[in-house]
Amino acid sequence: MKALILKRYGKTGQLEFADIPRPTIKPDEILVQVHAAGLNPIDYMIPKGLFKPILKFRLPATMGSDLAGIVVETGSRVSRFKVGDAVYASVFDLGSGSLAEFAAVPESVAALKPVNLSFVEAASIPMVGLTSWQALNERLRLKPGQKVFIPAGAGGIGTFAIQLAKHLGAKVGTTTSTGNVELVRSLGADEVIDYTKQEFEQVLKGYDAVLGTTRGDGLEKAISILKPSSTVVSLIGPPDAAFARARGMNFLMTFVFGLLSRKIIRLAGKHQARYSFLFVRPDGRQLKEIATLIEASRIRPVIDAVIPFAQAKDGLAYLERGRAKGKVVVQMVAT
């Protein structure tokens, strides 16, 4: 089968298409014919070696995290799916990739595709959906009436997280450029700051939670808009010692991550806020709950571009430029 393979780490990363054997599934896995694969920022970061100390990645490795497709084979212990089922999943950090004609997927991380979405639309959901779910429900524990700041509202995470936060009853503040103001308002954002005209930290105040999604000094500025006893969850770092311990890292790595996060933890503490770093985990049961919201029209996918498989590397380059409105999806099978 054809797959997009990472051969070696580097400044640009060595990615190339290759013919590799179709995966052999384990008893608790399903074999999925991939119809579409969603792209995420981590997919262009991995080749640069940025997550080499963290991820369980053996080179050469198939790239890609999100997929939607059809089950073509089931393992002997699989009970939730059958051949012919349309499914979607994230295989992030599981040692296998989605940018291939077929993918081996653990039963526990897959869910039936939302019936009202195409394969392309469904493939745009898993990582941003799971990240938003785990951040807003598990870490921030958003309650109705609370205010959450979700910067970069027109991005992949932002477009989903805004909708989920509104479903949870929260009020949402976000940032975006002039051309995307109406988009984020249509998703439910209550306070929208056009970052080309205003500094959000000079306008917003009294927030209960921050979801850190942007690099640079944005997270430090966001802490200043929080009220006491608030919570900060960052998706872009710095990783903290708790994260290192949760992944079973050695004492040295735990110590290093503790040093890296010390400044932001102290800053949050001065505002009586709690800081933590979130690394998304695949979870099929959460995807099932997300599918229920999508089928009830509580959340809709936002897709910027659909790229043919042969141009997957161009899709990653486009995503890296940071101008995508919503998600970029690679279409493997024409429908």
Protein backbone atom coordinates (compact mmCIF):
# COMPACT_ATOMS: atom_id res chain seq x y z
CA MET A 1 0.00 0.00 0.00
CA LYS A 2 1.04 3.62 -0.45
CA ALA A 3 1.89 5.70 2.63
CA LEU A 4 3.56 9.01 3.50
CA ILE A 5 6.68 8.04 5.45
CA LEU A 6 9.05 9.98 7.70
CA LYS A 7 12.54 8.63 6.97
CA ARG A 8 14.59 10.83 9.31
CA TYR A 9 14.26 13.89 11.52
CA GLY A 10 15.61 17.25 10.38
CA LYS A 11 14.94 20.94 9.96
CA THR A 12 12.45 20.16 7.22
CA GLY A 13 12.13 16.44 7.87
CA GLN A 14 12.51 13.83 5.17
CA LEU A 15 9.01 12.86 4.07
CA GLU A 16 8.38 10.68 1.04
CA PHE A 17 5.75 8.38 -0.40
CA ALA A 18 6.58 4.70 -0.24
CA ASP A 19 5.00 1.33 -0.88
CA ILE A 20 4.85 -0.60 2.39
CA PRO A 21 3.07 -3.77 3.52
CA ARG A 22 -0.55 -3.54 4.57
CA PRO A 23 -0.71 -3.60 8.41
CA THR A 24 -1.29 -6.90 10.18
CA ILE A 25 -3.84 -6.32 12.92
CA LYS A 26 -3.72 -7.56 16.51
CA PRO A 27 -6.70 -9.30 18.17
CA ASP A 28 -7.98 -6.00 19.61
CA GLU A 29 -7.56 -3.96 16.40
CA ILE A 30 -9.54 -3.18 13.28
CA LEU A 31 -8.09 -2.66 9.81
CA VAL A 32 -9.49 0.50 8.25
CA GLN A 33 -9.38 1.48 4.59
CA VAL A 34 -8.63 5.17 5.01
CA HIS A 35 -10.94 7.43 3.00
CA ALA A 36 -9.68 10.71 4.49
CA ALA A 37 -7.02 11.88 6.95
CA GLY A 38 -7.15 15.15 8.88
CA LEU A 39 -3.94 17.14 9.27
CA ASN A 40 -2.87 18.75 12.54
CA PRO A 41 0.00 21.08 13.50
CA ILE A 42 1.81 18.26 15.26
CA ASP A 43 2.04 16.44 11.91
CA TYR A 44 4.49 19.04 10.60
CA MET A 45 6.25 19.42 13.96
CA ILE A 46 7.11 15.74 14.36
CA PRO A 47 9.42 15.57 11.29
CA LYS A 48 11.52 18.42 12.72
CA GLY A 49 12.27 16.30 15.78
CA LEU A 50 10.46 18.63 18.17
CA PHE A 51 8.68 15.76 19.93
CA LYS A 52 11.47 13.20 19.66
CA PRO A 53 11.99 12.99 23.46
CA ILE A 54 8.26 12.54 24.06
CA LEU A 55 6.65 10.41 21.36
CA LYS A 56 7.02 6.66 20.89
CA PHE A 57 8.00 6.94 17.24
CA ARG A 58 10.20 4.44 15.39
CA LEU A 59 11.57 5.51 12.02
CA PRO A 60 10.71 4.98 9.28
CA ALA A 61 7.13 5.75 10.37
CA THR A 62 3.84 6.47 8.64
CA MET A 63 2.72 10.03 9.25
CA GLY A 64 -0.74 11.31 10.22
CA SER A 65 -2.98 11.17 13.27
CA ASP A 66 -6.66 11.43 12.26
CA LEU A 67 -8.66 9.23 9.92
CA ALA A 68 -12.10 8.24 8.70
CA GLY A 69 -12.80 5.15 6.65
CA ILE A 70 -14.34 1.70 6.34
CA VAL A 71 -13.57 -1.35 8.47
CA VAL A 72 -12.27 -4.13 6.21
CA GLU A 73 -11.06 -6.60 8.86
CA THR A 74 -11.56 -7.12 12.58
CA GLY A 75 -9.38 -8.81 15.19
CA SER A 76 -10.56 -11.86 17.09
CA ARG A 77 -11.35 -9.89 20.26
CA VAL A 78 -13.13 -6.97 18.58
CA SER A 79 -16.80 -6.69 19.58
CA ARG A 80 -17.85 -3.10 18.87
CA PHE A 81 -17.26 -3.03 15.10
CA LYS A 82 -17.85 -5.22 12.08
CA VAL A 83 -16.60 -5.26 8.50
CA GLY A 84 -18.30 -2.49 6.53
CA ASP A 85 -18.70 -0.06 9.44
CA ALA A 86 -17.82 3.58 8.75
CA VAL A 87 -15.55 4.77 11.57
CA TYR A 88 -13.35 7.66 12.62
CA ALA A 89 -10.42 7.76 15.01
CA SER A 90 -7.22 9.38 16.19
CA VAL A 91 -4.15 7.13 16.15
CA PHE A 92 -1.88 9.82 17.56
CA ASP A 93 1.02 8.53 19.66
CA LEU A 94 0.11 4.89 18.99
CA GLY A 95 3.03 4.10 16.70
CA SER A 96 0.99 3.93 13.49
CA GLY A 97 -0.13 6.66 11.10
CA SER A 98 -3.21 7.63 9.11
CA LEU A 99 -1.64 8.96 5.89
CA ALA A 100 -1.80 5.56 4.22
CA GLU A 101 -4.28 3.51 2.25
CA PHE A 102 -4.92 1.25 5.27
CA ALA A 103 -4.39 1.71 9.01
CA ALA A 104 -4.45 -0.64 11.99
CA VAL A 105 -6.62 0.99 14.66
CA PRO A 106 -7.13 -0.25 18.25
CA GLU A 107 -10.82 -0.85 18.86
CA SER A 108 -10.66 1.34 21.97
CA VAL A 109 -9.77 4.53 20.05
CA ALA A 110 -12.35 4.28 17.24
CA ALA A 111 -16.02 5.27 17.03
CA LEU A 112 -18.72 5.07 14.41
CA LYS A 113 -18.53 8.02 12.04
CA PRO A 114 -21.21 10.68 12.64
CA VAL A 115 -23.97 9.74 10.21
CA ASN A 116 -24.46 13.30 8.99
CA LEU A 117 -20.79 13.83 8.03
CA SER A 118 -18.85 12.78 4.96
CA PHE A 119 -15.57 10.93 5.42
CA VAL A 120 -13.69 14.16 4.74
CA GLU A 121 -15.70 16.04 7.36
CA ALA A 122 -15.36 13.23 9.90
CA ALA A 123 -11.58 13.04 9.40
CA SER A 124 -11.31 16.69 10.42
CA ILE A 125 -12.69 15.99 13.90
CA PRO A 126 -10.72 13.48 16.03
CA MET A 127 -7.69 15.36 17.34
CA VAL A 128 -9.32 18.79 17.67
CA GLY A 129 -12.45 17.19 19.11
CA LEU A 130 -10.59 15.09 21.66
CA THR A 131 -8.25 17.94 22.59
CA SER A 132 -11.16 20.30 23.17
CA TRP A 133 -13.13 17.66 25.08
CA GLN A 134 -10.24 16.77 27.38
CA ALA A 135 -9.28 20.40 27.94
CA LEU A 136 -12.73 21.87 28.55
CA ASN A 137 -14.41 18.93 30.31
CA GLU A 138 -11.59 17.20 32.19
CA ARG A 139 -9.03 19.92 32.94
CA LEU A 140 -10.94 23.21 32.95
CA ARG A 141 -14.24 21.61 34.05
CA LEU A 142 -16.19 24.42 32.48
CA LYS A 143 -19.52 25.24 34.05
CA PRO A 144 -22.45 27.21 32.63
CA GLY A 145 -21.87 30.94 32.91
CA GLN A 146 -18.09 30.75 33.22
CA LYS A 147 -15.88 32.71 30.84
CA VAL A 148 -13.18 30.93 28.83
CA PHE A 149 -10.57 32.52 26.59
CA ILE A 150 -9.77 30.49 23.47
CA PRO A 151 -7.31 32.42 21.27
CA ALA A 152 -6.89 31.79 17.53
CA GLY A 153 -10.60 31.12 17.18
CA ALA A 154 -10.49 30.51 13.43
CA GLY A 155 -7.89 27.71 13.69
CA GLY A 156 -8.51 23.98 13.87
CA ILE A 157 -8.70 23.80 17.67
CA GLY A 158 -10.40 27.17 18.00
CA THR A 159 -13.30 26.44 15.66
CA PHE A 160 -14.15 23.25 17.56
CA ALA A 161 -13.40 24.42 21.09
CA ILE A 162 -15.59 27.53 20.75
CA GLN A 163 -18.57 25.38 19.78
CA LEU A 164 -17.99 22.87 22.57
CA ALA A 165 -17.57 25.63 25.16
CA LYS A 166 -20.87 27.17 24.07
CA HIS A 167 -22.56 23.76 24.31
CA LEU A 168 -21.27 23.55 27.89
CA GLY A 169 -22.90 26.90 28.64
CA ALA A 170 -19.76 29.02 28.86
CA LYS A 171 -19.12 32.49 27.52
CA VAL A 172 -16.23 32.58 25.04
CA GLY A 173 -13.64 35.20 24.24
CA THR A 174 -11.30 34.76 21.28
CA THR A 175 -8.89 36.47 18.93
CA THR A 176 -8.76 36.43 15.15
CA SER A 177 -7.93 38.57 12.13
CA THR A 178 -10.40 40.95 10.51
CA GLY A 179 -11.43 38.53 7.80
CA ASN A 180 -12.42 35.82 10.28
CA VAL A 181 -14.46 37.87 12.76
CA GLU A 182 -17.79 36.78 11.31
CA LEU A 183 -16.71 33.13 11.20
CA VAL A 184 -15.89 32.95 14.92
CA ARG A 185 -19.04 34.87 15.80
CA SER A 186 -21.07 32.33 13.80
CA LEU A 187 -19.51 29.57 15.92
CA GLY A 188 -20.73 31.27 19.10
CA ALA A 189 -17.87 33.49 20.31
CA ASP A 190 -19.18 36.24 22.60
CA GLU A 191 -16.17 38.57 22.79
CA VAL A 192 -14.10 38.74 19.61
CA ILE A 193 -10.84 40.68 19.51
CA ASP A 194 -9.43 41.57 16.10
CA TYR A 195 -5.72 41.21 16.90
CA THR A 196 -4.79 43.49 13.99
CA LYS A 197 -6.55 46.36 15.78
CA GLN A 198 -6.49 45.61 19.52
CA GLU A 199 -4.48 43.81 22.20
CA PHE A 200 -6.78 41.28 23.86
CA GLU A 201 -5.19 41.74 27.30
CA GLN A 202 -6.23 45.40 27.23
CA VAL A 203 -9.88 44.56 26.55
CA LEU A 204 -10.78 41.25 28.19
CA LYS A 205 -11.01 40.72 31.96
CA GLY A 206 -12.61 38.55 34.60
CA TYR A 207 -12.08 35.21 32.86
CA ASP A 208 -12.32 31.86 34.64
CA ALA A 209 -10.21 29.80 32.25
CA VAL A 210 -7.69 29.99 29.42
CA LEU A 211 -7.01 27.39 26.75
CA GLY A 212 -3.50 28.14 25.48
CA THR A 213 -3.29 27.48 21.74
CA THR A 214 -0.72 29.98 20.44
CA ARG A 215 3.05 30.23 20.72
CA GLY A 216 5.01 33.27 21.85
CA ASP A 217 4.03 35.41 24.83
CA GLY A 218 0.28 35.00 24.33
CA LEU A 219 -0.09 32.63 27.27
CA GLU A 220 1.62 35.00 29.67
CA LYS A 221 -0.60 37.85 28.49
CA ALA A 222 -3.69 35.65 28.82
CA ILE A 223 -2.96 35.00 32.49
CA SER A 224 -3.43 38.72 33.14
CA ILE A 225 -7.12 38.54 32.12
CA LEU A 226 -7.93 35.85 34.69
CA LYS A 227 -9.73 36.31 37.97
CA PRO A 228 -8.59 34.48 41.15
CA SER A 229 -9.04 30.68 41.43
CA SER A 230 -8.93 30.25 37.68
CA THR A 231 -7.33 27.58 35.47
CA VAL A 232 -4.88 27.64 32.56
CA VAL A 233 -4.46 24.66 30.24
CA SER A 234 -1.83 24.91 27.52
CA LEU A 235 -1.64 22.79 24.38
CA ILE A 236 1.65 24.28 23.20
CA GLY A 237 3.72 24.13 26.37
CA PRO A 238 5.80 24.40 28.26
CA PRO A 239 5.36 20.78 29.39
CA ASP A 240 5.37 20.40 33.16
CA ALA A 241 6.65 17.80 35.62
CA ALA A 242 3.19 16.30 36.04
CA PHE A 243 3.12 15.56 32.31
CA ALA A 244 6.53 13.86 32.48
CA ARG A 245 5.45 11.71 35.42
CA ALA A 246 2.21 10.73 33.68
CA ARG A 247 4.21 9.47 30.70
CA GLY A 248 6.60 7.52 32.89
CA MET A 249 9.65 9.62 32.02
CA ASN A 250 12.84 9.35 34.03
CA PHE A 251 13.91 11.69 36.82
CA LEU A 252 16.06 13.82 34.52
CA MET A 253 13.25 14.53 32.05
CA THR A 254 10.84 15.22 34.90
CA PHE A 255 13.35 17.68 36.37
CA VAL A 256 13.91 19.37 32.98
CA PHE A 257 10.18 19.79 32.34
CA GLY A 258 9.79 21.16 35.85
CA LEU A 259 12.40 23.80 35.06
CA LEU A 260 10.81 24.62 31.70
CA SER A 261 7.41 25.23 33.27
CA ARG A 262 8.57 26.97 36.44
CA LYS A 263 8.19 30.51 35.06
CA ILE A 264 4.65 30.08 33.77
CA ILE A 265 3.55 28.21 36.91
CA ARG A 266 4.88 31.03 39.10
CA LEU A 267 3.18 33.65 36.94
CA ALA A 268 -0.10 31.77 37.14
CA GLY A 269 0.35 31.45 40.89
CA LYS A 270 0.67 35.21 41.27
CA HIS A 271 -2.83 35.45 39.77
CA GLN A 272 -4.05 32.58 42.00
CA ALA A 273 -4.40 30.39 38.90
CA ARG A 274 -3.46 26.76 38.24
CA TYR A 275 -1.39 25.78 35.19
CA SER A 276 -1.13 22.44 33.40
CA PHE A 277 0.04 21.13 30.04
CA LEU A 278 -2.28 18.89 28.02
CA PHE A 279 -1.15 16.19 25.59
CA VAL A 280 -4.19 14.72 23.87
CA ARG A 281 -4.90 10.99 24.15
CA PRO A 282 -6.94 8.90 21.70
CA ASP A 283 -10.31 7.83 23.13
CA GLY A 284 -13.08 6.11 21.18
CA ARG A 285 -15.74 6.60 23.84
CA GLN A 286 -15.19 10.34 23.84
CA LEU A 287 -15.42 10.32 20.03
CA LYS A 288 -18.75 8.54 20.39
CA GLU A 289 -20.03 11.35 22.63
CA ILE A 290 -18.67 13.95 20.20
CA ALA A 291 -20.49 12.17 17.35
CA THR A 292 -23.74 12.52 19.31
CA LEU A 293 -23.24 16.30 19.52
CA ILE A 294 -22.43 16.52 15.81
CA GLU A 295 -25.48 14.45 14.83
CA ALA A 296 -27.61 16.78 16.98
CA SER A 297 -26.14 19.77 15.05
CA ARG A 298 -24.57 21.19 18.24
CA ILE A 299 -21.14 21.21 16.58
CA ARG A 300 -20.18 21.42 12.92
CA PRO A 301 -16.84 20.84 11.22
CA VAL A 302 -14.99 23.80 9.70
CA ILE A 303 -12.76 22.83 6.76
CA ASP A 304 -10.43 25.17 4.93
CA ALA A 305 -9.03 22.86 2.24
CA VAL A 306 -9.31 19.31 0.91
CA ILE A 307 -6.06 17.99 -0.56
CA PRO A 308 -5.58 14.84 -2.70
CA PHE A 309 -3.31 12.19 -1.20
CA ALA A 310 -0.59 12.82 -3.78
CA GLN A 311 -0.31 16.41 -2.49
CA ALA A 312 -0.27 15.58 1.23
CA LYS A 313 3.15 17.20 1.71
CA ASP A 314 1.79 20.41 0.18
CA GLY A 315 -1.11 20.21 2.63
CA LEU A 316 1.30 20.05 5.56
CA ALA A 317 3.25 23.02 4.21
CA TYR A 318 0.03 25.01 3.80
CA LEU A 319 -1.06 24.20 7.35
CA GLU A 320 2.34 25.26 8.70
CA ARG A 321 1.91 28.74 7.23
CA GLY A 322 -0.80 29.26 9.85
CA ARG A 323 -3.52 30.75 7.66
CA ALA A 324 -5.98 27.88 7.53
CA LYS A 325 -9.55 28.58 8.63
CA GLY A 326 -10.43 25.39 10.43
CA LYS A 327 -8.95 22.09 9.22
CA VAL A 328 -6.99 20.79 6.25
CA VAL A 329 -7.98 17.28 5.17
CA VAL A 330 -6.28 14.80 2.84
CA GLN A 331 -8.77 12.83 0.73
CA MET A 332 -7.56 9.31 0.03
CA VAL A 333 -10.63 7.83 -1.67
CA ALA A 334 -12.87 9.86 -3.98
CA THR A 335 -16.54 9.68 -3.04
